[in-house]
Amino acid sequence: MLFVWYLTKQAGLLPITIPNPVDVWEALTDQWDDLLYHTASTVLSAFTGYVCAAMIAAALGGVAVTWKRSGKPVLTFGILVDSTPLIAVAPIFMIWLGNGMTLHVVVAGIAAFFPLLVGMIQGFRSADRNMLELFHVLAASRWQTLTRLSLPSALPYIFSALKVAAPLALLGALIAEWMGTDRGLGTLITYALFSFNVPLVWLSILTVCALTAASYGLVALAEHRFAPWSGAGEARGRQP
């Protein structure tokens, strides 16, 4: 694909808004320090918002499953959060929270929240009914049932939700940075657009794409490495 891209650009068949891949590579070598500087800020805010969203979703999912009447209000709240366009509410959050790291963390967390909430609720509800009855007969508390039965049963759903939410957290942080800040990949993209630095625009976009793919892949790797239902876990379980 890179070779075809290069030949097409050399033949003059692509518009000016699509640079030569060689120019993108040169922008990478020239702007490496700046790219790392802005990437670190985006990754930090996205990761912090991602972790906070996962913790809140786990707490609300536990409440929704433990107290049955709270299930519908909790899910309705998640739908309300998910249906609110971030690009529309981000300026409001900027007025409330300022234009610093807090804003980026909040928007990243909101972007990742709904898939995590749905995964937590579905996962906690996936516990075997016979096992639930056994825990009830053994007079297990709600906390014991949640932590010793519902949580282990929910792990496949939780990991699926974590994989979906990780790229969303990065995109949420990017949206927050577009609102105006002095650091982050969103800022770098905005600067490159206004200065019509086409190779830098593409370099920034490709960096975001690589980060979102890497975030999904890291969670998938953690699932494969530590989850008992993965192929590797089954192979280790069969070993004497």
Protein backbone atom coordinates (compact mmCIF):
# COMPACT_ATOMS: atom_id res chain seq x y z
CA MET A 1 0.00 0.00 0.00
CA LEU A 2 2.85 2.39 0.80
CA PHE A 3 4.49 1.60 -2.52
CA VAL A 4 1.26 2.23 -4.47
CA TRP A 5 0.73 5.41 -2.48
CA TYR A 6 4.25 6.58 -3.35
CA LEU A 7 3.94 5.79 -7.05
CA THR A 8 0.51 7.43 -7.30
CA LYS A 9 1.78 10.58 -5.66
CA GLN A 10 4.86 10.67 -7.87
CA ALA A 11 2.63 10.37 -10.92
CA GLY A 12 0.67 13.42 -9.77
CA LEU A 13 -2.62 11.55 -9.44
CA LEU A 14 -3.30 12.56 -5.84
CA PRO A 15 -4.51 15.94 -4.57
CA ILE A 16 -2.30 18.30 -2.61
CA THR A 17 -4.03 17.27 0.63
CA ILE A 18 -2.46 13.81 0.39
CA PRO A 19 1.32 13.99 0.91
CA ASN A 20 4.07 11.74 -0.32
CA PRO A 21 4.78 8.99 2.25
CA VAL A 22 8.44 10.04 2.12
CA ASP A 23 7.39 13.50 3.33
CA VAL A 24 5.46 11.92 6.21
CA TRP A 25 8.55 9.94 7.17
CA GLU A 26 10.67 13.07 7.06
CA ALA A 27 8.13 14.84 9.27
CA LEU A 28 8.43 11.95 11.73
CA THR A 29 12.21 12.26 11.93
CA ASP A 30 12.11 16.05 12.12
CA GLN A 31 9.23 16.31 14.60
CA TRP A 32 9.99 13.24 16.72
CA ASP A 33 10.51 15.11 19.99
CA ASP A 34 7.39 17.22 19.52
CA LEU A 35 5.38 14.14 18.59
CA LEU A 36 6.43 12.35 21.78
CA TYR A 37 5.66 15.45 23.83
CA HIS A 38 2.11 15.73 22.52
CA THR A 39 1.49 11.97 22.45
CA ALA A 40 2.41 11.59 26.12
CA SER A 41 -0.23 14.13 27.15
CA THR A 42 -2.96 12.48 25.09
CA VAL A 43 -2.12 8.99 26.35
CA LEU A 44 -2.02 10.14 29.98
CA SER A 45 -5.40 11.89 29.87
CA ALA A 46 -7.01 9.03 27.90
CA PHE A 47 -5.66 6.37 30.25
CA THR A 48 -6.75 8.27 33.36
CA GLY A 49 -10.25 8.82 31.98
CA TYR A 50 -10.40 5.17 30.90
CA VAL A 51 -9.52 3.88 34.36
CA CYS A 52 -11.95 6.26 36.08
CA ALA A 53 -14.75 5.25 33.69
CA ALA A 54 -14.04 1.56 34.31
CA MET A 55 -14.20 2.03 38.08
CA ILE A 56 -17.45 4.01 37.94
CA ALA A 57 -18.99 1.52 35.49
CA ALA A 58 -17.99 -1.40 37.74
CA ALA A 59 -19.55 0.28 40.76
CA LEU A 60 -22.79 1.12 38.94
CA GLY A 61 -22.92 -2.34 37.36
CA GLY A 62 -22.57 -3.93 40.78
CA VAL A 63 -25.36 -1.75 42.14
CA ALA A 64 -27.61 -2.53 39.16
CA VAL A 65 -27.20 -6.28 39.64
CA THR A 66 -27.25 -6.36 43.43
CA TRP A 67 -30.34 -4.15 43.79
CA LYS A 68 -32.70 -5.18 40.99
CA ARG A 69 -34.81 -2.01 41.04
CA SER A 70 -31.76 0.14 40.27
CA GLY A 71 -30.93 -1.74 37.06
CA LYS A 72 -33.21 0.25 34.73
CA PRO A 73 -32.29 3.71 36.12
CA VAL A 74 -28.57 2.91 35.90
CA LEU A 75 -28.84 1.73 32.30
CA THR A 76 -31.00 4.74 31.42
CA PHE A 77 -28.34 7.00 32.87
CA GLY A 78 -25.71 5.25 30.72
CA ILE A 79 -27.83 5.69 27.59
CA LEU A 80 -28.29 9.37 28.40
CA VAL A 81 -24.54 9.85 28.75
CA ASP A 82 -23.85 7.95 25.54
CA SER A 83 -26.47 9.83 23.50
CA THR A 84 -25.05 13.24 24.40
CA PRO A 85 -22.68 14.44 21.62
CA LEU A 86 -19.26 15.10 23.11
CA ILE A 87 -18.42 17.77 20.56
CA ALA A 88 -21.47 19.71 21.79
CA VAL A 89 -20.99 19.35 25.56
CA ALA A 90 -17.19 19.69 25.63
CA PRO A 91 -17.37 23.53 25.50
CA ILE A 92 -19.73 23.46 28.50
CA PHE A 93 -17.31 21.28 30.43
CA MET A 94 -14.53 23.64 29.44
CA ILE A 95 -16.42 26.51 31.11
CA TRP A 96 -16.93 24.44 34.26
CA LEU A 97 -13.58 22.67 34.50
CA GLY A 98 -11.19 24.95 32.66
CA ASN A 99 -8.98 23.97 29.77
CA GLY A 100 -6.55 21.67 31.54
CA MET A 101 -6.00 17.99 32.15
CA THR A 102 -9.21 17.63 34.16
CA LEU A 103 -11.31 18.46 31.10
CA HIS A 104 -9.46 15.92 28.97
CA VAL A 105 -9.87 13.19 31.59
CA VAL A 106 -13.59 13.85 31.99
CA VAL A 107 -14.32 13.83 28.25
CA ALA A 108 -12.20 10.70 27.73
CA GLY A 109 -14.06 8.98 30.57
CA ILE A 110 -17.46 9.94 29.17
CA ALA A 111 -16.49 8.60 25.74
CA ALA A 112 -15.50 5.22 27.21
CA PHE A 113 -18.23 4.94 29.84
CA PHE A 114 -21.23 3.38 28.10
CA PRO A 115 -19.57 0.25 26.61
CA LEU A 116 -17.98 -0.39 29.99
CA LEU A 117 -21.29 -0.02 31.81
CA VAL A 118 -23.12 -2.36 29.43
CA GLY A 119 -20.31 -4.92 29.65
CA MET A 120 -20.31 -4.79 33.45
CA ILE A 121 -24.08 -5.20 33.76
CA GLN A 122 -24.32 -8.00 31.20
CA GLY A 123 -21.32 -9.71 32.73
CA PHE A 124 -22.60 -9.56 36.30
CA ARG A 125 -25.95 -10.94 35.12
CA SER A 126 -24.31 -13.86 33.34
CA ALA A 127 -23.72 -15.87 36.51
CA ASP A 128 -25.18 -19.39 36.43
CA ARG A 129 -28.61 -19.50 38.03
CA ASN A 130 -27.88 -22.80 39.82
CA MET A 131 -24.75 -21.30 41.33
CA LEU A 132 -26.74 -18.26 42.45
CA GLU A 133 -29.21 -20.54 44.18
CA LEU A 134 -26.33 -22.41 45.82
CA PHE A 135 -24.86 -19.16 47.13
CA HIS A 136 -28.31 -18.23 48.45
CA VAL A 137 -28.67 -21.59 50.21
CA LEU A 138 -25.22 -21.12 51.75
CA ALA A 139 -26.37 -17.72 53.08
CA ALA A 140 -23.72 -15.80 51.13
CA SER A 141 -23.94 -12.05 51.44
CA ARG A 142 -24.55 -9.83 48.43
CA TRP A 143 -20.90 -8.76 48.46
CA GLN A 144 -19.70 -12.38 48.54
CA THR A 145 -22.00 -13.32 45.68
CA LEU A 146 -20.82 -10.34 43.65
CA THR A 147 -17.09 -10.82 44.20
CA ARG A 148 -16.88 -14.63 44.23
CA LEU A 149 -19.47 -15.57 41.63
CA SER A 150 -20.69 -12.66 39.52
CA LEU A 151 -17.29 -11.03 38.95
CA PRO A 152 -15.47 -14.20 37.74
CA SER A 153 -18.43 -15.00 35.47
CA ALA A 154 -18.38 -11.45 34.11
CA LEU A 155 -14.73 -11.41 33.03
CA PRO A 156 -15.34 -12.32 29.34
CA TYR A 157 -17.90 -9.51 29.05
CA ILE A 158 -15.69 -7.08 30.94
CA PHE A 159 -12.70 -7.70 28.70
CA SER A 160 -14.86 -7.28 25.60
CA ALA A 161 -16.08 -3.94 26.95
CA LEU A 162 -12.55 -2.88 27.85
CA LYS A 163 -11.37 -3.58 24.29
CA VAL A 164 -14.16 -1.47 22.81
CA ALA A 165 -13.75 1.38 25.30
CA ALA A 166 -9.96 1.79 25.04
CA PRO A 167 -9.96 3.42 21.56
CA LEU A 168 -12.98 5.52 22.53
CA ALA A 169 -11.09 6.99 25.47
CA LEU A 170 -8.30 8.13 23.14
CA LEU A 171 -10.78 9.70 20.75
CA GLY A 172 -12.51 11.44 23.64
CA ALA A 173 -9.21 12.93 24.79
CA LEU A 174 -8.59 14.08 21.22
CA ILE A 175 -11.97 15.84 21.11
CA ALA A 176 -11.20 17.63 24.38
CA GLU A 177 -7.85 18.79 23.02
CA TRP A 178 -9.56 20.25 19.96
CA MET A 179 -11.36 22.64 22.30
CA GLY A 180 -8.05 24.42 22.79
CA THR A 181 -4.98 23.53 24.80
CA ASP A 182 -1.24 23.84 24.46
CA ARG A 183 -0.43 20.13 24.52
CA GLY A 184 -1.76 16.94 22.96
CA LEU A 185 -2.20 15.30 19.58
CA GLY A 186 -5.43 17.23 19.06
CA THR A 187 -3.47 20.45 19.45
CA LEU A 188 -0.82 19.19 17.07
CA ILE A 189 -3.43 18.34 14.44
CA THR A 190 -5.04 21.77 14.80
CA TYR A 191 -1.70 23.52 14.48
CA ALA A 192 -0.77 21.49 11.41
CA LEU A 193 -4.13 22.19 9.78
CA PHE A 194 -3.94 25.95 10.25
CA SER A 195 -0.35 26.05 9.06
CA PHE A 196 -1.26 23.76 6.13
CA ASN A 197 1.53 21.37 7.08
CA VAL A 198 0.04 18.38 5.26
CA PRO A 199 2.74 15.82 6.20
CA LEU A 200 2.40 16.74 9.88
CA VAL A 201 -1.39 16.41 9.70
CA TRP A 202 -1.06 12.91 8.29
CA LEU A 203 1.67 12.01 10.78
CA SER A 204 -0.58 13.09 13.66
CA ILE A 205 -3.56 11.18 12.29
CA LEU A 206 -1.52 8.03 11.70
CA THR A 207 -0.18 8.32 15.25
CA VAL A 208 -3.72 8.47 16.62
CA CYS A 209 -4.67 5.43 14.52
CA ALA A 210 -1.65 3.52 15.80
CA LEU A 211 -2.48 4.43 19.40
CA THR A 212 -6.11 3.32 19.10
CA ALA A 213 -5.06 0.02 17.52
CA ALA A 214 -2.40 -0.46 20.20
CA SER A 215 -4.86 0.24 23.01
CA TYR A 216 -7.22 -2.42 21.68
CA GLY A 217 -4.34 -4.82 21.18
CA LEU A 218 -2.95 -4.35 24.69
CA VAL A 219 -6.28 -5.19 26.29
CA ALA A 220 -6.64 -8.20 23.98
CA LEU A 221 -3.13 -9.30 24.95
CA ALA A 222 -3.99 -8.98 28.64
CA GLU A 223 -7.14 -11.03 28.04
CA HIS A 224 -5.18 -13.75 26.24
CA ARG A 225 -2.45 -13.77 28.90
CA PHE A 226 -4.46 -13.70 32.09
CA ALA A 227 -8.02 -14.77 31.30
CA PRO A 228 -8.74 -18.41 32.19
CA TRP A 229 -11.02 -18.94 29.17
CA SER A 230 -8.31 -18.01 26.62
CA GLY A 231 -6.47 -20.63 24.66
CA ALA A 232 -3.26 -20.00 26.57
CA GLY A 233 -5.11 -20.35 29.89
CA GLU A 234 -6.63 -23.65 28.78
CA ALA A 235 -3.24 -24.93 27.69
CA ARG A 236 -1.72 -24.03 31.06
CA GLY A 237 -4.66 -25.68 32.82
CA ARG A 238 -4.04 -28.97 30.99
CA GLN A 239 -0.40 -29.10 31.99
CA PRO A 240 0.38 -31.55 34.82
